[in-house]
Amino acid sequence: MTGTDYSSYLRIDDLLRLQQPLSEGASDELLFIVVHQSYELWFKLILHELELARSLLLAGEPWNAAPRLRRAVAVDELLVHHLAVLETMSPEGFLEFRDPLAPASGFQSTQFREIEAVSSGTADVHAESPLRSEEQRTALLRRAKEPTLWDALCEALSQHGFVERADAGTGAVRAAIAAIYRAHTDPVRAAFHQVFELMVDHDEAIARWRHHHALMAAREIGRRTGTGGSLGVAYLDTTLGERFFPVLWEVRSGL
């Protein structure tokens, strides 16, 4: 038999060897590992789709960027649903293996910080953590120099004459977005309207994930310090008001 079989194509044997619990007898540790490894795979796909959407917007093609954003949003929703699986773990089940995890923490996820960076910047803030490898620091510093998805949207708006290039990032962008919301019957305006809404969907889904994640953490560890030395739930609470695209939220007040 020739060709590629399912197992070798997907590297199933390698994949199934990656779950290595640290605590003997902690029955919930496999759940914890599988969910978080799944997160990192989904983060990889989200980054792939956001990068493609950014490139298409920089090329002035909002109609082609929309399907990539739609897929990213669909995966964002999976992140939220994964928390329901994690919440089947009781607090005492988590405490059976929590201590050996230190100083590991979800706060250290480089790919999630890259998602934040591609969406709205801030990567350099997290690059210097001593818990990151040189490769991870390099990735975040590189992200900090790249245009964001918001930058790409402003560029696309300027290419289609909705704002002057020099006005990108000012109130002129907000006014242009509001005007498109009020009238979007022609194909180009309709494509931009779709992109606006998908970017808000992405922003909202991540905000809901942050909120649900904070609740899940409080349910598992209460107000304990996080395994990575962070303030735990208290730190998570400080992130709940963060938005990637504040202008897309603010513009609604003036419609």
C-alpha atoms as a PDB file:
ATOM      1  CA  MET A   1       0.000   0.000   0.000  1.00  0.00           C
ATOM      2  CA  THR A   2       1.351   3.443  -0.929  1.00  0.00           C
ATOM      3  CA  GLY A   3       0.350   6.935   0.097  1.00  0.00           C
ATOM      4  CA  THR A   4       0.007   8.656   3.450  1.00  0.00           C
ATOM      5  CA  ASP A   5      -1.934   7.004   6.250  1.00  0.00           C
ATOM      6  CA  TYR A   6      -3.920   8.860   8.900  1.00  0.00           C
ATOM      7  CA  SER A   7      -1.590   8.105  11.806  1.00  0.00           C
ATOM      8  CA  SER A   8       1.689   9.049  10.125  1.00  0.00           C
ATOM      9  CA  TYR A   9       0.258  12.196   8.480  1.00  0.00           C
ATOM     10  CA  LEU A  10      -1.010  13.521  11.815  1.00  0.00           C
ATOM     11  CA  ARG A  11       1.955  12.184  13.817  1.00  0.00           C
ATOM     12  CA  ILE A  12      -0.499  10.540  16.191  1.00  0.00           C
ATOM     13  CA  ASP A  13       2.097   8.408  17.990  1.00  0.00           C
ATOM     14  CA  ASP A  14       4.247  11.496  18.664  1.00  0.00           C
ATOM     15  CA  LEU A  15       1.212  13.497  19.740  1.00  0.00           C
ATOM     16  CA  LEU A  16       0.004  10.918  22.256  1.00  0.00           C
ATOM     17  CA  ARG A  17       3.443  10.724  23.870  1.00  0.00           C
ATOM     18  CA  LEU A  18       3.341  14.424  24.788  1.00  0.00           C
ATOM     19  CA  GLN A  19       1.065  14.021  27.810  1.00  0.00           C
ATOM     20  CA  GLN A  20       3.401  13.374  30.749  1.00  0.00           C
ATOM     21  CA  PRO A  21       1.753  13.888  34.177  1.00  0.00           C
ATOM     22  CA  LEU A  22       4.088  14.789  37.047  1.00  0.00           C
ATOM     23  CA  SER A  23       2.039  13.592  40.030  1.00  0.00           C
ATOM     24  CA  GLU A  24       1.347   9.911  40.552  1.00  0.00           C
ATOM     25  CA  GLY A  25      -2.267   9.171  41.427  1.00  0.00           C
ATOM     26  CA  ALA A  26      -3.577  12.613  40.349  1.00  0.00           C
ATOM     27  CA  SER A  27      -6.355  11.428  38.056  1.00  0.00           C
ATOM     28  CA  ASP A  28      -7.282  14.935  36.831  1.00  0.00           C
ATOM     29  CA  GLU A  29      -3.792  15.888  35.675  1.00  0.00           C
ATOM     30  CA  LEU A  30      -4.248  14.269  32.266  1.00  0.00           C
ATOM     31  CA  LEU A  31      -7.360  16.404  31.736  1.00  0.00           C
ATOM     32  CA  PHE A  32      -5.411  19.531  32.669  1.00  0.00           C
ATOM     33  CA  ILE A  33      -2.566  18.710  30.262  1.00  0.00           C
ATOM     34  CA  VAL A  34      -4.813  17.758  27.343  1.00  0.00           C
ATOM     35  CA  VAL A  35      -6.934  20.921  27.633  1.00  0.00           C
ATOM     36  CA  HIS A  36      -3.905  23.205  27.784  1.00  0.00           C
ATOM     37  CA  GLN A  37      -2.088  21.451  24.964  1.00  0.00           C
ATOM     38  CA  SER A  38      -5.293  21.762  22.924  1.00  0.00           C
ATOM     39  CA  TYR A  39      -5.334  25.483  23.712  1.00  0.00           C
ATOM     40  CA  GLU A  40      -1.842  25.887  22.302  1.00  0.00           C
ATOM     41  CA  LEU A  41      -2.838  24.106  19.073  1.00  0.00           C
ATOM     42  CA  TRP A  42      -5.902  26.329  18.701  1.00  0.00           C
ATOM     43  CA  PHE A  43      -3.768  29.401  19.494  1.00  0.00           C
ATOM     44  CA  LYS A  44      -1.505  28.376  16.607  1.00  0.00           C
ATOM     45  CA  LEU A  45      -4.477  28.271  14.232  1.00  0.00           C
ATOM     46  CA  ILE A  46      -5.871  31.598  15.494  1.00  0.00           C
ATOM     47  CA  LEU A  47      -2.492  33.240  14.865  1.00  0.00           C
ATOM     48  CA  HIS A  48      -2.380  31.725  11.376  1.00  0.00           C
ATOM     49  CA  GLU A  49      -5.818  33.121  10.502  1.00  0.00           C
ATOM     50  CA  LEU A  50      -5.185  36.545  12.059  1.00  0.00           C
ATOM     51  CA  GLU A  51      -1.918  36.861  10.171  1.00  0.00           C
ATOM     52  CA  LEU A  52      -3.661  36.027   6.895  1.00  0.00           C
ATOM     53  CA  ALA A  53      -6.443  38.521   7.648  1.00  0.00           C
ATOM     54  CA  ARG A  54      -3.868  41.184   8.458  1.00  0.00           C
ATOM     55  CA  SER A  55      -2.001  40.565   5.190  1.00  0.00           C
ATOM     56  CA  LEU A  56      -5.218  40.759   3.187  1.00  0.00           C
ATOM     57  CA  LEU A  57      -6.247  44.010   4.851  1.00  0.00           C
ATOM     58  CA  LEU A  58      -2.805  45.483   4.211  1.00  0.00           C
ATOM     59  CA  ALA A  59      -3.369  44.526   0.571  1.00  0.00           C
ATOM     60  CA  GLY A  60      -6.699  46.383   0.609  1.00  0.00           C
ATOM     61  CA  GLU A  61      -8.864  43.239   0.377  1.00  0.00           C
ATOM     62  CA  PRO A  62     -11.416  43.295   3.218  1.00  0.00           C
ATOM     63  CA  TRP A  63     -13.677  40.874   1.312  1.00  0.00           C
ATOM     64  CA  ASN A  64     -10.911  38.231   1.448  1.00  0.00           C
ATOM     65  CA  ALA A  65      -9.946  39.048   5.033  1.00  0.00           C
ATOM     66  CA  ALA A  66     -13.462  38.346   6.328  1.00  0.00           C
ATOM     67  CA  PRO A  67     -13.393  34.519   5.932  1.00  0.00           C
ATOM     68  CA  ARG A  68     -10.072  34.341   7.797  1.00  0.00           C
ATOM     69  CA  LEU A  69     -11.482  36.416  10.645  1.00  0.00           C
ATOM     70  CA  ARG A  70     -14.623  34.270  10.705  1.00  0.00           C
ATOM     71  CA  ARG A  71     -12.530  31.148  11.212  1.00  0.00           C
ATOM     72  CA  ALA A  72     -10.472  32.810  13.947  1.00  0.00           C
ATOM     73  CA  VAL A  73     -13.697  33.733  15.757  1.00  0.00           C
ATOM     74  CA  ALA A  74     -14.983  30.151  15.456  1.00  0.00           C
ATOM     75  CA  VAL A  75     -11.812  28.948  17.172  1.00  0.00           C
ATOM     76  CA  ASP A  76     -12.095  31.718  19.789  1.00  0.00           C
ATOM     77  CA  GLU A  77     -15.441  30.197  20.726  1.00  0.00           C
ATOM     78  CA  LEU A  78     -13.790  26.796  21.186  1.00  0.00           C
ATOM     79  CA  LEU A  79     -11.492  28.359  23.778  1.00  0.00           C
ATOM     80  CA  VAL A  80     -14.548  29.304  25.819  1.00  0.00           C
ATOM     81  CA  HIS A  81     -16.088  25.827  25.509  1.00  0.00           C
ATOM     82  CA  HIS A  82     -12.838  24.161  26.633  1.00  0.00           C
ATOM     83  CA  LEU A  83     -13.251  25.840  30.028  1.00  0.00           C
ATOM     84  CA  ALA A  84     -16.450  23.880  30.608  1.00  0.00           C
ATOM     85  CA  VAL A  85     -14.415  20.684  30.244  1.00  0.00           C
ATOM     86  CA  LEU A  86     -11.778  21.990  32.659  1.00  0.00           C
ATOM     87  CA  GLU A  87     -14.481  22.876  35.180  1.00  0.00           C
ATOM     88  CA  THR A  88     -15.374  19.207  35.547  1.00  0.00           C
ATOM     89  CA  MET A  89     -12.251  19.109  37.746  1.00  0.00           C
ATOM     90  CA  SER A  90     -12.930  19.744  41.430  1.00  0.00           C
ATOM     91  CA  PRO A  91     -10.666  21.967  43.589  1.00  0.00           C
ATOM     92  CA  GLU A  92      -9.260  19.000  45.517  1.00  0.00           C
ATOM     93  CA  GLY A  93      -8.566  17.226  42.221  1.00  0.00           C
ATOM     94  CA  PHE A  94      -6.483  20.194  41.061  1.00  0.00           C
ATOM     95  CA  LEU A  95      -4.637  20.453  44.377  1.00  0.00           C
ATOM     96  CA  GLU A  96      -3.429  16.857  43.939  1.00  0.00           C
ATOM     97  CA  PHE A  97      -1.032  18.009  41.238  1.00  0.00           C
ATOM     98  CA  ARG A  98      -0.892  21.831  41.491  1.00  0.00           C
ATOM     99  CA  ASP A  99       2.271  22.285  43.567  1.00  0.00           C
ATOM    100  CA  PRO A 100       4.648  20.427  41.177  1.00  0.00           C
ATOM    101  CA  LEU A 101       3.488  22.771  38.375  1.00  0.00           C
ATOM    102  CA  ALA A 102       5.243  25.809  39.886  1.00  0.00           C
ATOM    103  CA  PRO A 103       6.456  28.067  38.403  1.00  0.00           C
ATOM    104  CA  ALA A 104       4.507  27.054  35.260  1.00  0.00           C
ATOM    105  CA  SER A 105       1.479  29.247  34.580  1.00  0.00           C
ATOM    106  CA  GLY A 106      -0.906  29.975  31.723  1.00  0.00           C
ATOM    107  CA  PHE A 107       0.341  33.558  32.061  1.00  0.00           C
ATOM    108  CA  GLN A 108       3.484  32.311  30.286  1.00  0.00           C
ATOM    109  CA  SER A 109       1.702  31.240  27.082  1.00  0.00           C
ATOM    110  CA  THR A 110       3.752  32.975  24.403  1.00  0.00           C
ATOM    111  CA  GLN A 111       1.221  32.216  21.691  1.00  0.00           C
ATOM    112  CA  PHE A 112      -1.598  33.910  23.600  1.00  0.00           C
ATOM    113  CA  ARG A 113       0.613  36.982  24.017  1.00  0.00           C
ATOM    114  CA  GLU A 114       1.222  36.817  20.266  1.00  0.00           C
ATOM    115  CA  ILE A 115      -2.541  36.811  19.662  1.00  0.00           C
ATOM    116  CA  GLU A 116      -2.778  39.955  21.783  1.00  0.00           C
ATOM    117  CA  ALA A 117       0.109  41.473  19.834  1.00  0.00           C
ATOM    118  CA  VAL A 118      -1.267  40.699  16.380  1.00  0.00           C
ATOM    119  CA  SER A 119      -4.652  42.062  17.443  1.00  0.00           C
ATOM    120  CA  SER A 120      -3.596  45.256  19.187  1.00  0.00           C
ATOM    121  CA  GLY A 121       0.064  45.350  20.227  1.00  0.00           C
ATOM    122  CA  THR A 122       1.614  45.026  23.748  1.00  0.00           C
ATOM    123  CA  ALA A 123       3.937  42.077  22.962  1.00  0.00           C
ATOM    124  CA  ASP A 124       7.103  43.809  24.175  1.00  0.00           C
ATOM    125  CA  VAL A 125       5.579  44.241  27.647  1.00  0.00           C
ATOM    126  CA  HIS A 126       5.676  40.478  28.186  1.00  0.00           C
ATOM    127  CA  ALA A 127       8.864  39.596  26.302  1.00  0.00           C
ATOM    128  CA  GLU A 128      11.326  39.995  29.173  1.00  0.00           C
ATOM    129  CA  SER A 129       9.857  37.427  31.549  1.00  0.00           C
ATOM    130  CA  PRO A 130      12.730  35.296  32.943  1.00  0.00           C
ATOM    131  CA  LEU A 131      10.501  32.250  32.436  1.00  0.00           C
ATOM    132  CA  ARG A 132      10.542  32.647  28.639  1.00  0.00           C
ATOM    133  CA  SER A 133      13.092  31.019  26.383  1.00  0.00           C
ATOM    134  CA  GLU A 134      15.248  33.132  24.085  1.00  0.00           C
ATOM    135  CA  GLU A 135      13.171  31.909  21.156  1.00  0.00           C
ATOM    136  CA  GLN A 136       9.949  33.019  22.866  1.00  0.00           C
ATOM    137  CA  ARG A 137      11.368  36.443  23.735  1.00  0.00           C
ATOM    138  CA  THR A 138      12.507  36.879  20.150  1.00  0.00           C
ATOM    139  CA  ALA A 139       9.041  35.959  18.867  1.00  0.00           C
ATOM    140  CA  LEU A 140       7.344  38.534  21.094  1.00  0.00           C
ATOM    141  CA  LEU A 141       9.812  41.282  20.272  1.00  0.00           C
ATOM    142  CA  ARG A 142       9.302  40.543  16.576  1.00  0.00           C
ATOM    143  CA  ARG A 143       5.549  40.810  17.046  1.00  0.00           C
ATOM    144  CA  ALA A 144       5.994  44.190  18.708  1.00  0.00           C
ATOM    145  CA  LYS A 145       7.528  45.525  15.488  1.00  0.00           C
ATOM    146  CA  GLU A 146       4.810  44.184  13.186  1.00  0.00           C
ATOM    147  CA  PRO A 147       1.658  46.063  12.170  1.00  0.00           C
ATOM    148  CA  THR A 148      -1.368  45.037  14.192  1.00  0.00           C
ATOM    149  CA  LEU A 149      -4.712  43.952  12.823  1.00  0.00           C
ATOM    150  CA  TRP A 150      -5.987  47.433  13.693  1.00  0.00           C
ATOM    151  CA  ASP A 151      -3.111  49.009  11.768  1.00  0.00           C
ATOM    152  CA  ALA A 152      -4.022  46.826   8.798  1.00  0.00           C
ATOM    153  CA  LEU A 153      -7.673  47.899   8.970  1.00  0.00           C
ATOM    154  CA  CYS A 154      -6.656  51.572   8.973  1.00  0.00           C
ATOM    155  CA  GLU A 155      -4.404  50.922   5.981  1.00  0.00           C
ATOM    156  CA  ALA A 156      -7.245  49.238   4.078  1.00  0.00           C
ATOM    157  CA  LEU A 157      -9.578  52.135   4.829  1.00  0.00           C
ATOM    158  CA  SER A 158      -6.991  54.561   3.482  1.00  0.00           C
ATOM    159  CA  GLN A 159      -6.427  52.508   0.322  1.00  0.00           C
ATOM    160  CA  HIS A 160     -10.142  52.724  -0.453  1.00  0.00           C
ATOM    161  CA  GLY A 161     -10.317  56.457   0.195  1.00  0.00           C
ATOM    162  CA  PHE A 162     -12.319  56.399   3.423  1.00  0.00           C
ATOM    163  CA  VAL A 163      -9.529  58.215   5.302  1.00  0.00           C
ATOM    164  CA  GLU A 164      -6.391  60.035   4.303  1.00  0.00           C
ATOM    165  CA  ARG A 165      -3.311  57.947   5.038  1.00  0.00           C
ATOM    166  CA  ALA A 166      -2.023  60.634   7.409  1.00  0.00           C
ATOM    167  CA  ASP A 167      -5.288  60.447   9.387  1.00  0.00           C
ATOM    168  CA  ALA A 168      -5.011  56.742  10.245  1.00  0.00           C
ATOM    169  CA  GLY A 169      -5.347  56.277  13.981  1.00  0.00           C
ATOM    170  CA  THR A 170      -7.149  59.579  14.571  1.00  0.00           C
ATOM    171  CA  GLY A 171     -10.790  60.599  14.940  1.00  0.00           C
ATOM    172  CA  ALA A 172     -11.051  60.473  11.158  1.00  0.00           C
ATOM    173  CA  VAL A 173     -10.950  56.672  11.355  1.00  0.00           C
ATOM    174  CA  ARG A 174     -13.792  56.658  13.869  1.00  0.00           C
ATOM    175  CA  ALA A 175     -15.834  58.926  11.616  1.00  0.00           C
ATOM    176  CA  ALA A 176     -15.162  56.749   8.570  1.00  0.00           C
ATOM    177  CA  ILE A 177     -16.184  53.603  10.433  1.00  0.00           C
ATOM    178  CA  ALA A 178     -19.386  55.273  11.633  1.00  0.00           C
ATOM    179  CA  ALA A 179     -20.197  56.340   8.075  1.00  0.00           C
ATOM    180  CA  ILE A 180     -19.756  52.780   6.814  1.00  0.00           C
ATOM    181  CA  TYR A 181     -22.013  51.470   9.574  1.00  0.00           C
ATOM    182  CA  ARG A 182     -24.712  53.922   8.502  1.00  0.00           C
ATOM    183  CA  ALA A 183     -24.484  52.945   4.814  1.00  0.00           C
ATOM    184  CA  HIS A 184     -22.955  49.712   3.564  1.00  0.00           C
ATOM    185  CA  THR A 185     -24.948  48.616   0.526  1.00  0.00           C
ATOM    186  CA  ASP A 186     -22.143  48.673  -2.057  1.00  0.00           C
ATOM    187  CA  PRO A 187     -19.725  45.676  -2.069  1.00  0.00           C
ATOM    188  CA  VAL A 188     -16.653  47.437  -0.660  1.00  0.00           C
ATOM    189  CA  ARG A 189     -18.524  49.105   2.198  1.00  0.00           C
ATOM    190  CA  ALA A 190     -20.346  45.836   2.897  1.00  0.00           C
ATOM    191  CA  ALA A 191     -17.002  44.017   3.106  1.00  0.00           C
ATOM    192  CA  PHE A 192     -15.647  46.574   5.568  1.00  0.00           C
ATOM    193  CA  HIS A 193     -18.824  46.363   7.647  1.00  0.00           C
ATOM    194  CA  GLN A 194     -18.388  42.601   7.828  1.00  0.00           C
ATOM    195  CA  VAL A 195     -14.756  42.979   8.888  1.00  0.00           C
ATOM    196  CA  PHE A 196     -15.714  45.472  11.627  1.00  0.00           C
ATOM    197  CA  GLU A 197     -18.256  43.062  13.064  1.00  0.00           C
ATOM    198  CA  LEU A 198     -15.895  40.075  12.885  1.00  0.00           C
ATOM    199  CA  MET A 199     -13.181  42.060  14.659  1.00  0.00           C
ATOM    200  CA  VAL A 200     -15.687  42.891  17.408  1.00  0.00           C
ATOM    201  CA  ASP A 201     -16.653  39.197  17.518  1.00  0.00           C
ATOM    202  CA  HIS A 202     -12.983  38.305  18.043  1.00  0.00           C
ATOM    203  CA  ASP A 203     -12.619  40.972  20.724  1.00  0.00           C
ATOM    204  CA  GLU A 204     -15.799  39.894  22.495  1.00  0.00           C
ATOM    205  CA  ALA A 205     -14.975  36.190  22.391  1.00  0.00           C
ATOM    206  CA  ILE A 206     -11.564  36.751  23.966  1.00  0.00           C
ATOM    207  CA  ALA A 207     -13.150  39.040  26.583  1.00  0.00           C
ATOM    208  CA  ARG A 208     -15.685  36.318  27.414  1.00  0.00           C
ATOM    209  CA  TRP A 209     -12.885  33.762  27.583  1.00  0.00           C
ATOM    210  CA  ARG A 210     -10.965  36.009  30.001  1.00  0.00           C
ATOM    211  CA  HIS A 211     -14.069  36.408  32.188  1.00  0.00           C
ATOM    212  CA  HIS A 212     -14.909  32.703  32.194  1.00  0.00           C
ATOM    213  CA  HIS A 213     -11.248  31.841  32.814  1.00  0.00           C
ATOM    214  CA  ALA A 214     -11.177  34.124  35.861  1.00  0.00           C
ATOM    215  CA  LEU A 215     -14.325  32.473  37.206  1.00  0.00           C
ATOM    216  CA  MET A 216     -12.891  29.013  36.555  1.00  0.00           C
ATOM    217  CA  ALA A 217      -9.651  29.906  38.355  1.00  0.00           C
ATOM    218  CA  ALA A 218     -11.599  31.285  41.344  1.00  0.00           C
ATOM    219  CA  ARG A 219     -13.614  28.075  41.409  1.00  0.00           C
ATOM    220  CA  GLU A 220     -10.441  25.954  41.469  1.00  0.00           C
ATOM    221  CA  ILE A 221      -8.040  27.938  43.681  1.00  0.00           C
ATOM    222  CA  GLY A 222     -10.031  30.745  45.311  1.00  0.00           C
ATOM    223  CA  ARG A 223      -7.783  33.753  45.988  1.00  0.00           C
ATOM    224  CA  ARG A 224      -4.515  31.796  46.184  1.00  0.00           C
ATOM    225  CA  THR A 225      -1.381  33.090  44.467  1.00  0.00           C
ATOM    226  CA  GLY A 226      -0.969  31.731  40.932  1.00  0.00           C
ATOM    227  CA  THR A 227       1.521  28.923  40.264  1.00  0.00           C
ATOM    228  CA  GLY A 228       3.686  31.293  38.224  1.00  0.00           C
ATOM    229  CA  GLY A 229       3.921  33.766  41.114  1.00  0.00           C
ATOM    230  CA  SER A 230       1.218  36.084  39.757  1.00  0.00           C
ATOM    231  CA  LEU A 231      -1.658  37.325  41.882  1.00  0.00           C
ATOM    232  CA  GLY A 232      -3.808  34.538  40.463  1.00  0.00           C
ATOM    233  CA  VAL A 233      -7.467  35.485  40.213  1.00  0.00           C
ATOM    234  CA  ALA A 234      -6.684  39.045  41.338  1.00  0.00           C
ATOM    235  CA  TYR A 235      -4.433  39.421  38.283  1.00  0.00           C
ATOM    236  CA  LEU A 236      -7.011  37.866  35.958  1.00  0.00           C
ATOM    237  CA  ASP A 237      -9.605  40.338  37.245  1.00  0.00           C
ATOM    238  CA  THR A 238      -7.417  43.238  36.079  1.00  0.00           C
ATOM    239  CA  THR A 239      -7.567  41.972  32.469  1.00  0.00           C
ATOM    240  CA  LEU A 240     -11.355  41.799  32.172  1.00  0.00           C
ATOM    241  CA  GLY A 241     -11.773  45.335  30.825  1.00  0.00           C
ATOM    242  CA  GLU A 242      -9.122  44.975  28.114  1.00  0.00           C
ATOM    243  CA  ARG A 243     -10.280  45.395  24.508  1.00  0.00           C
ATOM    244  CA  PHE A 244      -8.318  44.919  21.295  1.00  0.00           C
ATOM    245  CA  PHE A 245     -10.281  47.437  19.220  1.00  0.00           C
ATOM    246  CA  PRO A 246     -11.749  50.122  21.508  1.00  0.00           C
ATOM    247  CA  VAL A 247     -12.721  52.380  18.584  1.00  0.00           C
ATOM    248  CA  LEU A 248     -15.035  49.693  17.204  1.00  0.00           C
ATOM    249  CA  TRP A 249     -16.819  49.672  20.567  1.00  0.00           C
ATOM    250  CA  GLU A 250     -16.817  53.457  21.008  1.00  0.00           C
ATOM    251  CA  VAL A 251     -18.248  54.143  17.566  1.00  0.00           C
ATOM    252  CA  ARG A 252     -21.539  52.555  18.576  1.00  0.00           C
ATOM    253  CA  SER A 253     -22.291  55.404  20.931  1.00  0.00           C
ATOM    254  CA  GLY A 254     -22.464  57.864  18.040  1.00  0.00           C
ATOM    255  CA  LEU A 255     -24.516  55.880  15.544  1.00  0.00           C
END
